[in-house]
Each structure stands twice: as C-alpha cells, then as structure tokens.
N, C-alpha and C. Protein backbone atom coordinates (compact mmCIF):
# COMPACT_ATOMS: atom_id res chain seq x y z
N MET A 1 -17.17 6.07 -0.65
CA MET A 1 -17.16 6.61 0.67
C MET A 1 -16.22 7.90 0.78
N LEU A 2 -14.96 7.71 0.37
CA LEU A 2 -13.96 8.75 0.49
C LEU A 2 -14.34 9.85 -0.55
N GLU A 3 -14.95 9.52 -1.65
CA GLU A 3 -15.36 10.51 -2.69
C GLU A 3 -16.26 11.45 -2.08
N GLN A 4 -17.16 10.99 -1.16
CA GLN A 4 -18.22 11.94 -0.60
C GLN A 4 -17.58 12.85 0.47
N LEU A 5 -16.55 12.34 1.07
CA LEU A 5 -15.90 13.21 2.09
C LEU A 5 -14.87 14.16 1.53
N ILE A 6 -14.12 13.74 0.55
CA ILE A 6 -13.21 14.54 -0.12
C ILE A 6 -13.59 14.65 -1.63
N THR A 7 -13.95 15.91 -2.00
CA THR A 7 -14.52 16.12 -3.28
C THR A 7 -13.44 16.16 -4.48
N SER A 8 -12.22 16.43 -4.14
CA SER A 8 -11.19 16.58 -5.18
C SER A 8 -10.60 15.10 -5.52
N LYS A 9 -10.95 14.68 -6.73
CA LYS A 9 -10.41 13.45 -7.17
C LYS A 9 -8.83 13.35 -7.09
N THR A 10 -8.29 14.46 -7.51
CA THR A 10 -6.80 14.63 -7.53
C THR A 10 -6.32 14.33 -6.04
N ARG A 11 -6.92 15.04 -5.10
CA ARG A 11 -6.49 14.91 -3.75
C ARG A 11 -6.61 13.52 -3.26
N ILE A 12 -7.64 12.85 -3.63
CA ILE A 12 -7.84 11.42 -3.24
C ILE A 12 -6.70 10.55 -3.81
N LYS A 13 -6.43 10.80 -5.09
CA LYS A 13 -5.33 10.03 -5.60
C LYS A 13 -3.95 10.27 -5.01
N LEU A 14 -3.72 11.55 -4.61
CA LEU A 14 -2.53 11.80 -3.90
C LEU A 14 -2.48 11.15 -2.51
N LEU A 15 -3.51 11.13 -1.83
CA LEU A 15 -3.62 10.60 -0.49
C LEU A 15 -3.38 9.03 -0.58
N LEU A 16 -3.96 8.45 -1.59
CA LEU A 16 -3.79 7.05 -1.91
C LEU A 16 -2.39 6.79 -2.19
N LYS A 17 -1.85 7.54 -2.98
CA LYS A 17 -0.36 7.37 -3.44
C LYS A 17 0.56 7.49 -2.15
N PHE A 18 0.50 8.48 -1.49
CA PHE A 18 1.38 8.67 -0.36
C PHE A 18 1.11 8.03 0.97
N PHE A 19 -0.17 7.79 1.23
CA PHE A 19 -0.49 7.28 2.59
C PHE A 19 -0.77 5.73 2.59
N LEU A 20 -0.76 5.01 1.43
CA LEU A 20 -0.76 3.61 1.41
C LEU A 20 0.64 3.01 1.95
N ASN A 21 1.56 3.53 1.22
CA ASN A 21 3.01 3.13 1.44
C ASN A 21 3.73 4.38 1.90
N PRO A 22 4.19 4.51 3.06
CA PRO A 22 4.94 5.71 3.52
C PRO A 22 6.26 6.01 2.86
N ASN A 23 6.92 5.06 2.16
CA ASN A 23 8.11 5.18 1.52
C ASN A 23 7.91 5.73 0.15
N THR A 24 6.70 5.83 -0.35
CA THR A 24 6.41 6.27 -1.77
C THR A 24 6.82 7.67 -1.86
N GLN A 25 7.46 8.05 -2.89
CA GLN A 25 7.85 9.48 -3.24
C GLN A 25 7.32 9.80 -4.68
N GLY A 26 7.13 11.11 -4.89
CA GLY A 26 6.70 11.41 -6.23
C GLY A 26 7.00 12.89 -6.46
N TYR A 27 7.11 13.24 -7.75
CA TYR A 27 7.39 14.67 -8.08
C TYR A 27 6.30 15.08 -9.08
N LEU A 28 6.13 16.37 -9.24
CA LEU A 28 5.03 16.98 -9.97
C LEU A 28 4.75 16.40 -11.31
N ARG A 29 5.73 16.41 -12.31
CA ARG A 29 5.56 15.98 -13.63
C ARG A 29 5.17 14.41 -13.63
N GLY A 30 5.93 13.71 -12.75
CA GLY A 30 5.70 12.23 -12.75
C GLY A 30 4.30 11.88 -12.25
N LEU A 31 3.85 12.63 -11.23
CA LEU A 31 2.45 12.43 -10.72
C LEU A 31 1.36 12.86 -11.69
N ALA A 32 1.70 13.91 -12.47
CA ALA A 32 0.72 14.37 -13.50
C ALA A 32 0.69 13.27 -14.64
N GLU A 33 1.74 12.73 -15.00
CA GLU A 33 1.69 11.71 -15.96
C GLU A 33 0.96 10.43 -15.55
N GLU A 34 1.40 10.03 -14.28
CA GLU A 34 0.72 8.90 -13.69
C GLU A 34 -0.72 8.96 -13.63
N PHE A 35 -1.25 10.10 -13.14
CA PHE A 35 -2.66 10.27 -13.01
C PHE A 35 -3.35 10.88 -14.15
N ASN A 36 -2.60 11.14 -15.26
CA ASN A 36 -3.12 11.66 -16.49
C ASN A 36 -3.85 12.89 -16.24
N GLU A 37 -3.26 13.85 -15.50
CA GLU A 37 -3.98 15.12 -15.07
C GLU A 37 -2.98 16.24 -15.47
N SER A 38 -3.39 17.50 -15.42
CA SER A 38 -2.51 18.57 -15.69
C SER A 38 -1.52 18.81 -14.46
N THR A 39 -0.43 19.41 -14.75
CA THR A 39 0.51 19.63 -13.72
C THR A 39 -0.03 20.69 -12.71
N ASN A 40 -0.90 21.62 -13.27
CA ASN A 40 -1.47 22.64 -12.41
C ASN A 40 -2.40 22.03 -11.31
N SER A 41 -3.17 21.16 -11.69
CA SER A 41 -4.17 20.45 -10.74
C SER A 41 -3.37 19.70 -9.72
N ILE A 42 -2.34 19.11 -10.14
CA ILE A 42 -1.42 18.26 -9.10
C ILE A 42 -0.80 19.31 -8.18
N ARG A 43 -0.28 20.42 -8.81
CA ARG A 43 0.56 21.43 -8.06
C ARG A 43 -0.30 22.00 -6.95
N VAL A 44 -1.65 22.32 -7.26
CA VAL A 44 -2.50 22.88 -6.33
C VAL A 44 -2.71 22.05 -5.12
N GLU A 45 -2.98 20.72 -5.39
CA GLU A 45 -3.25 19.75 -4.31
C GLU A 45 -1.96 19.46 -3.57
N LEU A 46 -0.91 19.35 -4.14
CA LEU A 46 0.45 19.14 -3.43
C LEU A 46 0.66 20.26 -2.55
N ASN A 47 0.43 21.50 -3.03
CA ASN A 47 0.60 22.74 -2.22
C ASN A 47 -0.29 22.64 -0.91
N ARG A 48 -1.54 22.30 -1.19
CA ARG A 48 -2.52 22.19 -0.03
C ARG A 48 -2.08 21.15 0.94
N LEU A 49 -1.70 19.95 0.48
CA LEU A 49 -1.28 18.98 1.41
C LEU A 49 -0.03 19.30 2.15
N THR A 50 0.93 20.00 1.50
CA THR A 50 2.21 20.35 2.04
C THR A 50 1.95 21.46 3.09
N GLU A 51 1.14 22.44 2.77
CA GLU A 51 0.68 23.46 3.74
C GLU A 51 0.07 22.87 4.99
N ALA A 52 -0.74 21.82 4.87
CA ALA A 52 -1.28 21.21 5.90
C ALA A 52 -0.40 20.24 6.70
N ASP A 53 0.85 20.25 6.15
CA ASP A 53 1.91 19.48 6.83
C ASP A 53 1.68 17.93 6.67
N LEU A 54 0.81 17.49 5.77
CA LEU A 54 0.58 16.11 5.63
C LEU A 54 1.66 15.48 4.61
N LEU A 55 2.22 16.32 3.83
CA LEU A 55 3.35 15.95 2.95
C LEU A 55 4.55 16.64 3.22
N GLU A 56 5.63 16.06 3.06
CA GLU A 56 7.10 16.77 3.18
C GLU A 56 7.51 16.82 1.76
N SER A 57 8.39 17.83 1.65
CA SER A 57 8.99 17.94 0.29
C SER A 57 10.54 18.29 0.43
N LYS A 58 11.27 17.81 -0.45
CA LYS A 58 12.74 17.96 -0.51
C LYS A 58 13.11 18.23 -1.95
N THR A 59 14.17 18.89 -2.12
CA THR A 59 14.69 19.18 -3.41
C THR A 59 15.84 18.32 -3.81
N GLU A 60 15.66 17.55 -4.90
CA GLU A 60 16.77 16.79 -5.41
C GLU A 60 17.19 17.23 -6.80
N GLY A 61 18.29 17.94 -6.83
CA GLY A 61 18.71 18.57 -8.08
C GLY A 61 17.71 19.65 -8.35
N ARG A 62 17.01 19.67 -9.41
CA ARG A 62 16.02 20.66 -9.85
C ARG A 62 14.66 20.23 -9.61
N THR A 63 14.51 18.98 -8.92
CA THR A 63 13.17 18.40 -8.79
C THR A 63 12.76 18.46 -7.37
N LYS A 64 11.51 18.79 -7.12
CA LYS A 64 10.98 18.76 -5.75
C LYS A 64 10.23 17.48 -5.56
N VAL A 65 10.70 16.69 -4.62
CA VAL A 65 10.12 15.41 -4.35
C VAL A 65 9.23 15.39 -3.06
N TYR A 66 8.08 14.79 -3.16
CA TYR A 66 7.18 14.81 -2.04
C TYR A 66 6.91 13.35 -1.48
N GLN A 67 6.63 13.32 -0.16
CA GLN A 67 6.27 12.04 0.44
C GLN A 67 5.48 12.39 1.73
N ALA A 68 4.77 11.22 2.21
CA ALA A 68 4.00 11.44 3.40
C ALA A 68 4.84 11.90 4.60
N ASN A 69 4.30 12.74 5.44
CA ASN A 69 4.92 13.19 6.61
C ASN A 69 4.53 12.20 7.75
N ARG A 70 5.44 11.27 8.05
CA ARG A 70 5.06 10.25 9.06
C ARG A 70 4.99 10.83 10.44
N LYS A 71 5.48 12.04 10.63
CA LYS A 71 5.50 12.65 12.01
C LYS A 71 4.15 13.39 12.23
N HIS A 72 3.32 13.58 11.23
CA HIS A 72 2.12 14.24 11.43
C HIS A 72 1.23 13.52 12.38
N ALA A 73 0.44 14.29 13.23
CA ALA A 73 -0.48 13.64 14.19
C ALA A 73 -1.43 12.80 13.57
N LEU A 74 -1.87 13.05 12.35
CA LEU A 74 -2.93 12.24 11.73
C LEU A 74 -2.39 11.18 10.76
N TYR A 75 -1.03 11.05 10.68
CA TYR A 75 -0.57 10.06 9.69
C TYR A 75 -1.14 8.63 9.84
N ASN A 76 -1.10 8.09 11.11
CA ASN A 76 -1.67 6.76 11.25
C ASN A 76 -3.06 6.68 10.92
N GLU A 77 -3.88 7.60 11.27
CA GLU A 77 -5.30 7.64 10.89
C GLU A 77 -5.53 7.68 9.44
N LEU A 78 -4.76 8.56 8.74
CA LEU A 78 -4.92 8.58 7.26
C LEU A 78 -4.42 7.27 6.53
N HIS A 79 -3.39 6.75 7.12
CA HIS A 79 -2.93 5.41 6.55
C HIS A 79 -3.97 4.38 6.75
N SER A 80 -4.62 4.42 7.94
CA SER A 80 -5.68 3.37 8.14
C SER A 80 -6.88 3.62 7.19
N ILE A 81 -7.29 4.89 7.10
CA ILE A 81 -8.49 5.31 6.28
C ILE A 81 -8.14 4.78 4.81
N VAL A 82 -7.05 5.02 4.27
CA VAL A 82 -6.63 4.64 2.97
C VAL A 82 -6.67 3.10 2.77
N LYS A 83 -6.25 2.35 3.74
CA LYS A 83 -6.26 0.89 3.71
C LYS A 83 -7.74 0.43 3.76
N LYS A 84 -8.58 1.13 4.57
CA LYS A 84 -10.01 0.76 4.64
C LYS A 84 -10.67 1.03 3.34
N PHE A 85 -10.38 2.27 2.66
CA PHE A 85 -10.99 2.59 1.48
C PHE A 85 -10.71 1.63 0.41
N LEU A 86 -9.50 1.03 0.34
CA LEU A 86 -9.03 0.21 -0.70
C LEU A 86 -9.49 -1.26 -0.26
N GLY A 87 -9.94 -1.56 0.99
CA GLY A 87 -10.39 -2.79 1.37
C GLY A 87 -9.26 -3.78 1.85
N ILE A 88 -8.04 -3.26 1.89
CA ILE A 88 -7.02 -4.13 2.26
C ILE A 88 -7.02 -4.74 3.60
N ASP A 89 -7.59 -3.86 4.62
CA ASP A 89 -7.71 -4.34 5.89
C ASP A 89 -8.57 -5.60 6.03
N GLN A 90 -9.75 -5.54 5.21
CA GLN A 90 -10.68 -6.65 5.13
C GLN A 90 -10.04 -7.84 4.48
N ILE A 91 -9.31 -7.72 3.46
CA ILE A 91 -8.73 -8.79 2.81
C ILE A 91 -7.72 -9.59 3.78
N ILE A 92 -6.91 -8.76 4.41
CA ILE A 92 -5.91 -9.40 5.30
C ILE A 92 -6.57 -10.15 6.44
N GLU A 93 -7.45 -9.47 7.06
CA GLU A 93 -8.14 -10.14 8.33
C GLU A 93 -8.83 -11.40 7.85
N GLU A 94 -9.71 -11.28 6.76
CA GLU A 94 -10.42 -12.47 6.31
C GLU A 94 -9.45 -13.59 5.87
N VAL A 95 -8.61 -13.28 4.98
CA VAL A 95 -7.77 -14.31 4.36
C VAL A 95 -6.77 -14.92 5.38
N VAL A 96 -6.09 -14.17 6.09
CA VAL A 96 -5.04 -14.66 6.91
C VAL A 96 -5.61 -15.46 8.12
N LYS A 97 -6.62 -15.07 8.74
CA LYS A 97 -7.22 -15.77 9.90
C LYS A 97 -7.59 -17.17 9.61
N LYS A 98 -8.01 -17.44 8.45
CA LYS A 98 -8.66 -18.74 8.18
C LYS A 98 -7.85 -19.66 7.24
N LEU A 99 -6.62 -19.27 7.00
CA LEU A 99 -5.76 -20.07 6.03
C LEU A 99 -4.96 -21.21 6.64
N GLY A 100 -4.60 -21.05 7.83
CA GLY A 100 -3.59 -22.01 8.38
C GLY A 100 -2.43 -21.31 9.04
N ASN A 101 -1.19 -21.73 8.65
CA ASN A 101 0.06 -21.37 9.18
C ASN A 101 0.60 -20.21 8.33
N VAL A 102 0.13 -19.12 8.42
CA VAL A 102 0.57 -17.92 7.69
C VAL A 102 1.54 -17.12 8.61
N GLU A 103 2.74 -16.94 8.08
CA GLU A 103 3.81 -16.28 8.74
C GLU A 103 3.93 -14.84 8.35
N LEU A 104 3.59 -14.51 7.15
CA LEU A 104 3.75 -13.17 6.58
C LEU A 104 2.86 -12.93 5.43
N ALA A 105 2.31 -11.65 5.41
CA ALA A 105 1.50 -11.28 4.13
C ALA A 105 2.02 -9.92 3.75
N LEU A 106 2.35 -9.86 2.44
CA LEU A 106 2.90 -8.54 1.87
C LEU A 106 2.01 -7.99 0.80
N ILE A 107 1.84 -6.69 0.70
CA ILE A 107 1.20 -6.10 -0.42
C ILE A 107 2.39 -5.62 -1.35
N THR A 108 2.35 -5.91 -2.66
CA THR A 108 3.44 -5.65 -3.64
C THR A 108 2.76 -4.98 -4.80
N GLY A 109 3.62 -4.62 -5.82
CA GLY A 109 3.10 -4.11 -7.05
C GLY A 109 2.52 -2.73 -6.91
N ASP A 110 1.50 -2.39 -7.65
CA ASP A 110 0.95 -1.06 -7.82
C ASP A 110 0.49 -0.44 -6.50
N TYR A 111 -0.21 -1.29 -5.64
CA TYR A 111 -0.62 -0.74 -4.37
C TYR A 111 0.42 -0.39 -3.40
N ALA A 112 1.49 -1.23 -3.45
CA ALA A 112 2.62 -0.83 -2.60
C ALA A 112 3.32 0.46 -3.07
N ASN A 113 3.07 0.85 -4.30
CA ASN A 113 3.55 2.11 -4.68
C ASN A 113 2.55 3.18 -4.76
N GLY A 114 1.36 2.95 -4.14
CA GLY A 114 0.36 3.97 -4.02
C GLY A 114 -0.42 4.20 -5.19
N ILE A 115 -0.64 3.20 -6.01
CA ILE A 115 -1.42 3.34 -7.29
C ILE A 115 -2.55 2.46 -7.13
N ASP A 116 -3.83 3.07 -7.20
CA ASP A 116 -5.00 2.20 -7.12
C ASP A 116 -5.35 1.73 -8.50
N SER A 117 -4.73 0.65 -8.95
CA SER A 117 -4.95 0.05 -10.26
C SER A 117 -6.02 -0.82 -10.41
N GLY A 118 -6.61 -1.27 -9.25
CA GLY A 118 -7.72 -2.25 -9.28
C GLY A 118 -7.28 -3.69 -9.07
N ILE A 119 -5.92 -3.90 -9.08
CA ILE A 119 -5.47 -5.21 -8.88
C ILE A 119 -4.52 -5.16 -7.65
N ILE A 120 -4.74 -5.93 -6.61
CA ILE A 120 -4.03 -5.94 -5.42
C ILE A 120 -3.13 -7.31 -5.55
N ASP A 121 -1.78 -7.08 -5.39
CA ASP A 121 -0.94 -8.18 -5.45
C ASP A 121 -0.59 -8.61 -3.88
N LEU A 122 -0.89 -9.79 -3.54
CA LEU A 122 -0.77 -10.23 -2.15
C LEU A 122 0.10 -11.48 -2.17
N VAL A 123 1.25 -11.32 -1.33
CA VAL A 123 2.24 -12.43 -1.26
C VAL A 123 2.00 -12.95 0.18
N ILE A 124 1.78 -14.29 0.26
CA ILE A 124 1.58 -14.92 1.54
C ILE A 124 2.74 -15.97 1.71
N VAL A 125 3.36 -15.92 2.89
CA VAL A 125 4.43 -16.84 3.27
C VAL A 125 3.93 -17.71 4.40
N GLY A 126 3.96 -19.06 4.09
CA GLY A 126 3.63 -20.05 5.06
C GLY A 126 3.04 -21.29 4.42
N GLU A 127 2.48 -22.15 5.09
CA GLU A 127 1.87 -23.46 4.75
C GLU A 127 0.40 -23.22 4.74
N ILE A 128 -0.28 -23.19 3.67
CA ILE A 128 -1.76 -22.89 3.68
C ILE A 128 -2.45 -23.81 2.75
N ASP A 129 -3.78 -23.69 2.88
CA ASP A 129 -4.69 -24.47 2.09
C ASP A 129 -5.02 -23.57 0.87
N GLN A 130 -4.44 -24.00 -0.28
CA GLN A 130 -4.54 -23.15 -1.56
C GLN A 130 -6.04 -23.13 -2.06
N SER A 131 -6.67 -24.16 -1.97
CA SER A 131 -8.12 -24.13 -2.51
C SER A 131 -8.92 -23.19 -1.58
N TYR A 132 -8.79 -23.19 -0.27
CA TYR A 132 -9.53 -22.35 0.59
C TYR A 132 -9.07 -20.85 0.31
N LEU A 133 -7.90 -20.68 -0.02
CA LEU A 133 -7.35 -19.32 -0.34
C LEU A 133 -8.08 -18.78 -1.54
N HIS A 134 -8.35 -19.60 -2.57
CA HIS A 134 -9.07 -19.20 -3.69
C HIS A 134 -10.52 -18.79 -3.35
N ILE A 135 -11.14 -19.55 -2.58
CA ILE A 135 -12.56 -19.26 -2.09
C ILE A 135 -12.50 -17.88 -1.39
N LEU A 136 -11.52 -17.70 -0.40
CA LEU A 136 -11.56 -16.43 0.31
C LEU A 136 -11.29 -15.21 -0.55
N VAL A 137 -10.33 -15.44 -1.64
CA VAL A 137 -10.07 -14.35 -2.51
C VAL A 137 -11.26 -13.95 -3.30
N GLU A 138 -12.04 -14.88 -3.82
CA GLU A 138 -13.26 -14.64 -4.52
C GLU A 138 -14.24 -13.86 -3.71
N LYS A 139 -14.40 -14.22 -2.38
CA LYS A 139 -15.31 -13.50 -1.53
C LYS A 139 -14.79 -12.00 -1.35
N SER A 140 -13.52 -11.93 -1.05
CA SER A 140 -12.93 -10.60 -0.78
C SER A 140 -13.09 -9.64 -1.97
N GLU A 141 -12.86 -10.26 -3.15
CA GLU A 141 -12.88 -9.46 -4.36
C GLU A 141 -14.31 -8.75 -4.57
N LYS A 142 -15.34 -9.52 -4.19
CA LYS A 142 -16.72 -9.00 -4.23
C LYS A 142 -17.04 -7.92 -3.27
N LEU A 143 -16.32 -8.03 -2.09
CA LEU A 143 -16.52 -6.99 -1.07
C LEU A 143 -15.82 -5.79 -1.40
N ILE A 144 -14.63 -5.81 -1.95
CA ILE A 144 -13.87 -4.60 -2.23
C ILE A 144 -13.83 -4.07 -3.62
N HIS A 145 -14.41 -4.89 -4.51
CA HIS A 145 -14.55 -4.45 -5.92
C HIS A 145 -13.17 -4.27 -6.54
N ARG A 146 -12.24 -5.10 -6.21
CA ARG A 146 -10.93 -5.11 -6.79
C ARG A 146 -10.48 -6.52 -6.98
N LYS A 147 -9.57 -6.74 -7.93
CA LYS A 147 -8.93 -8.05 -8.23
C LYS A 147 -7.84 -8.33 -7.32
N ILE A 148 -7.70 -9.56 -6.93
CA ILE A 148 -6.62 -9.94 -5.89
C ILE A 148 -5.83 -11.05 -6.60
N ARG A 149 -4.47 -10.73 -6.82
CA ARG A 149 -3.57 -11.77 -7.38
C ARG A 149 -2.79 -12.23 -6.14
N THR A 150 -2.62 -13.56 -5.90
CA THR A 150 -1.97 -14.07 -4.85
C THR A 150 -0.73 -14.78 -5.30
N LEU A 151 0.33 -14.85 -4.42
CA LEU A 151 1.50 -15.60 -4.53
C LEU A 151 1.82 -16.23 -3.29
N VAL A 152 1.85 -17.60 -3.20
CA VAL A 152 2.05 -18.27 -1.91
C VAL A 152 3.51 -18.82 -1.96
N LEU A 153 4.32 -18.49 -0.98
CA LEU A 153 5.70 -18.91 -0.88
C LEU A 153 5.97 -19.65 0.42
N LYS A 154 6.85 -20.63 0.30
CA LYS A 154 7.37 -21.32 1.50
C LYS A 154 8.43 -20.43 2.10
N ASP A 155 8.90 -20.80 3.38
CA ASP A 155 9.96 -19.94 3.97
C ASP A 155 11.21 -19.80 3.08
N GLN A 156 11.69 -20.87 2.55
CA GLN A 156 12.94 -20.83 1.72
C GLN A 156 12.74 -19.99 0.51
N GLU A 157 11.57 -20.08 -0.09
CA GLU A 157 11.34 -19.31 -1.33
C GLU A 157 11.24 -17.82 -0.96
N PHE A 158 10.65 -17.49 0.09
CA PHE A 158 10.58 -16.09 0.51
C PHE A 158 12.01 -15.59 0.86
N ALA A 159 12.87 -16.40 1.57
CA ALA A 159 14.19 -16.01 1.86
C ALA A 159 14.99 -15.72 0.60
N ASN A 160 14.73 -16.47 -0.44
CA ASN A 160 15.44 -16.16 -1.73
C ASN A 160 15.05 -14.97 -2.39
N LEU A 161 13.74 -14.52 -2.12
CA LEU A 161 13.21 -13.36 -2.90
C LEU A 161 13.12 -12.08 -1.91
N LYS A 162 13.48 -12.22 -0.63
CA LYS A 162 13.26 -11.17 0.32
C LYS A 162 13.92 -9.85 -0.18
N ASP A 163 15.13 -9.81 -0.74
CA ASP A 163 15.70 -8.58 -1.15
C ASP A 163 14.92 -7.96 -2.25
N LYS A 164 14.31 -8.68 -3.20
CA LYS A 164 13.37 -8.23 -4.23
C LYS A 164 12.29 -7.43 -3.63
N PHE A 165 11.57 -8.05 -2.59
CA PHE A 165 10.44 -7.39 -1.93
C PHE A 165 10.84 -6.19 -1.25
N VAL A 166 12.10 -6.10 -0.64
CA VAL A 166 12.49 -4.90 0.07
C VAL A 166 12.77 -3.83 -0.97
N SER A 167 13.48 -4.12 -2.06
CA SER A 167 13.79 -3.17 -3.06
C SER A 167 12.51 -2.59 -3.80
N GLU A 168 11.45 -3.38 -3.88
CA GLU A 168 10.20 -2.92 -4.44
C GLU A 168 9.26 -2.22 -3.43
N ARG A 169 9.72 -2.02 -2.23
CA ARG A 169 9.06 -1.55 -1.16
C ARG A 169 7.67 -2.13 -0.84
N ALA A 170 7.73 -3.42 -0.67
CA ALA A 170 6.56 -4.13 -0.38
C ALA A 170 6.03 -3.70 1.06
N ILE A 171 4.73 -3.74 1.22
CA ILE A 171 4.21 -3.38 2.59
C ILE A 171 3.88 -4.61 3.39
N VAL A 172 4.34 -4.65 4.46
CA VAL A 172 4.07 -5.80 5.41
C VAL A 172 2.57 -5.57 5.89
N ALA A 173 1.67 -6.38 5.44
CA ALA A 173 0.29 -6.23 5.81
C ALA A 173 -0.14 -6.97 7.01
N TRP A 174 0.64 -8.05 7.24
CA TRP A 174 0.37 -8.97 8.40
C TRP A 174 1.60 -9.84 8.60
N ASN A 175 1.87 -10.11 9.94
CA ASN A 175 2.97 -11.01 10.23
C ASN A 175 2.79 -11.62 11.62
N SER A 176 3.20 -12.87 11.67
CA SER A 176 3.09 -13.58 12.96
C SER A 176 4.16 -13.03 13.91
N GLU A 177 4.00 -13.34 15.20
CA GLU A 177 4.98 -12.82 16.10
C GLU A 177 6.27 -13.38 15.90
N ASP A 178 6.35 -14.63 15.48
CA ASP A 178 7.74 -15.25 15.11
C ASP A 178 8.39 -14.54 14.06
N GLU A 179 7.59 -14.25 12.97
CA GLU A 179 8.20 -13.59 11.82
C GLU A 179 8.65 -12.16 12.21
N LEU A 180 7.78 -11.52 13.09
CA LEU A 180 8.14 -10.15 13.39
C LEU A 180 9.56 -10.17 14.23
N ALA A 181 9.67 -11.15 15.11
CA ALA A 181 10.91 -11.26 15.76
C ALA A 181 12.11 -11.52 14.91
N LYS A 182 11.90 -12.29 13.86
CA LYS A 182 12.99 -12.43 12.80
C LYS A 182 13.33 -11.16 12.02
N ILE A 183 12.34 -10.51 11.66
CA ILE A 183 12.53 -9.24 10.99
C ILE A 183 13.28 -8.28 11.85
N ARG A 184 12.86 -8.08 13.16
CA ARG A 184 13.52 -7.10 13.98
C ARG A 184 15.00 -7.57 14.22
N LYS A 185 15.24 -8.81 14.36
CA LYS A 185 16.57 -9.40 14.57
C LYS A 185 17.46 -9.08 13.51
N GLU A 186 16.99 -9.21 12.19
CA GLU A 186 17.79 -8.94 10.97
C GLU A 186 17.99 -7.46 10.72
N SER A 187 17.18 -6.54 11.36
CA SER A 187 17.35 -5.09 11.17
C SER A 187 18.43 -4.62 11.88
C-alpha cells in the first residue's frame, strides 16, 4: 500500500525509521549502513524530509543527527499511517481486547527503533490466557505478514525490567487506564 503511494523505497524506510518511534535518531552514515544504501540516496531523502519540516536536525560534534519533528501538523497522521502499514494497530487491538487482564503492551526491539525487520517484539503485562495469545498471534501474523514474538510479564516482573524498557525506548502500544495513571504519577 505505502509503496504505491510513495515510490522512493529509501523515503519509506526513513519514514518507518523516524515515525514509528518519535525518539529514534539517526545520522547519514549510520542510516546508509543500516539500510545498505549509498550515502547519496539517503542524503537526498533526508534533505527532502527536512525541507518539508517532517524531520528536525541538530549537530552533535561533526555529525548531523535527524529525528521526527513532533510539532509538524502531520506528525500524528504519519505516525498512524506507519503503524497501520506495519500492522501494529491490528495486532494490538485484536490481541489485547480478547486476552483478559492486560495492563500494558509495549513494542520493543527493532520496531521500537524504527527498523522493519519483519519481527515484532511485543511485551504484554498482565494476567492473560497464554494459549489464546498463541492463537491470536498466529492469526495476526497471517494478516500483517510479519513474525510476532511475545513476552508476557506479571506486574512485579515488569517493575523489575521497567528501566530496561525505558532505556531501549520501548513504545507503549496500549495501556489500561490504571496503568496510564501509574505512569503519569511516576513521571
């Protein structure tokens, strides 16, 4: 779908990279290496996205670092499109609604860092039916054509690993009102 709308594969990779997780940052050579493309093709697309004010850049030493411009009027829409393209929105809605007592769902790993590797790491916090989760994951994988790895944690296990998820820039994909209140209180 996105490939028909945006013909530049490099631009699609950059949009996925920067608009899946707003905290993701990248620089020219690192992006070229990650995408296995020339620095020139990356530079052209970075310049276009920066000129459109979709990306912000700052200089750190001799390196120019880019990230999504969260203040742009289209930021929320682009973030939503990227999630829909990857199928994350479908996974979360289907899986979380039917599992039981889910307090929090996080996207971690490559996708949290804006890399479409084909494997989505999903962390679920709560008391859930593991066998039903397996069935839902299989169905979701067929819908979105990506592999889903799940990790289910109880409250205390999550509390012990919370700092790790924060440092890895995990994306909160879903949370209960109770968990949202806890997160806000701790901030």
